[in-house]
Every structure is written in C-alpha cells, then in structure tokens.
Amino acid sequence: MYLLPVNHSSFCSIQRAQIRRRQAKLLRIARSTVYYKPVVDEYNLKLMHLIDEKFFKTPFYGSRRMREMLRRKGYKVNRKRVQRLMRLMGIEAIYPKKSLSRPSPDHKVYPYLLRNRKARKVNEVWSTDITYIRMKHGWLYLVAIMDWMSRFVLSWELSTTLEVDVCIRALKRALAIGTPEIFNSDQGSQFTSLAFLRCLEERGIQISMDGRRKLVTMPLLKDYGDR
C-alpha cells in the first residue's frame, strides 16, 4: 500500500480546528467566538506605561499634569483620554481632599489605631493595600498583606479585577501562618466589605482604618510587585 506523505504542520492545524469546533459546540457559542483575538490598542498602552512611570515618581500628579507631561513628549492627547486611562489603571492623584475622612453611610468605619504607634514585634500590626503591575499587554492588580515590623510580605494575590474575593483569599492565606493584634487598611470597598471584616472579627483582631491613603504604602507594594 502506498502512503501519501503527511505534512506535520497541516495535520496539527486540522487537529486544532477540530478541537475548537468541539469547544464551540460544547459551550453552545458561535465558532467565530473561539477564534476571536482581542484588539490591543498599542497607542493607549504606551500612554499608560508613561503615566505609570510618572505616577510612581510623582503620585500627586493629576490628569492635567499628566496631559502636559505627555504633550511635552510629543503625544497629542486631551484631558478626557488621560482621565479615562487613569480610571482604567485605578489610580488618582494623592493629595489632601475636603471631607475625605467623612464616614460613608454604606459601611462601618473603624478608628485609626496606629497614630504615634511603632510596631515593636512581629505579628503586632499587619497592613494591606492594592496596587497595579504593568504587563506587556495590560495590567494586573496586586493585593498584598505585610507585617509592619519586619516588612515581610505574608501573602499576596494577583488578579485582573478588583473583586473582594481576591482580598479575602490573600487574608486567609496570611491568617493560616499567624494572627496579628491589629490589622490596618484604607477604607476601600474591598476592605470594608462584610465578608472581609468578618474574617478579622472572628479571630478577635483589632481593625484599624486610615482616614486618608498613606503615601508610603503604595510604593512599598509597587516595589515588591516590580521585583
């Protein structure tokens, strides 16, 4: 019997096509959806990279200053685009704002317990925050839990979203190896959710919350994320 020569690459392509057809059939979706590749806006990514670099050096820069910085580099952008990209990245200028410490009616606000207090032992005070990590084609959010005394990162999680479940996973991983006397966070919606607070209250941990976001916290986490 004479066998025709088989092109290996063609055979693999046919096999991949069959797998994709089966995937589409099982999921009950159009076959074109399986083949879809998201379009990456390279221009916006470049702008976001520049904003990220500048924000890390000067976190007090808002959309106006970011726009001027980009224009000096030759990018013709308006403020609305800069605002949209900064919202997408989850960043905003850090500066004292009016009524920033006003309690929100949607959640219980805990007092800040660390004023004029210095941690003197491990597991006395833990803190947490969320920052973002620049990737080649987008961004990832990093939530980390850190011991104040040792500056040791007890646990961390990466995610493409800012869901509270990500923060709870990081918290439970940290609590599996120790228990702090005080747990400090800002008043972000993830850290003031009932599910997150319940994990702390069930273990008798004192909860401390910043009235304002501290300038020192994000650089510490961002430095860890860039390693």
Foldseek 3Di string as FASTA:
>chain_A
DDDDDDDVVVVVVVVVLVVLVVVCVVVVHDSVVSVDDDDFDVVLLVLLVQVVVVCLVALQDALVNSCVVVVVVPDDDDSVSSVVSCVLQVGGRADDDPCLLPDDPPFDAAAADCVVHADDDWQAEKEKDKHWDRDPRGIKIKIWIATRPVRDTQFMFIGPDDDLVRVQVRVVSSVVVHHHQEYEYEPDPSCRDPVNVVVNVVVVHHYHYDSGDDPPPHSSVRVVVVD
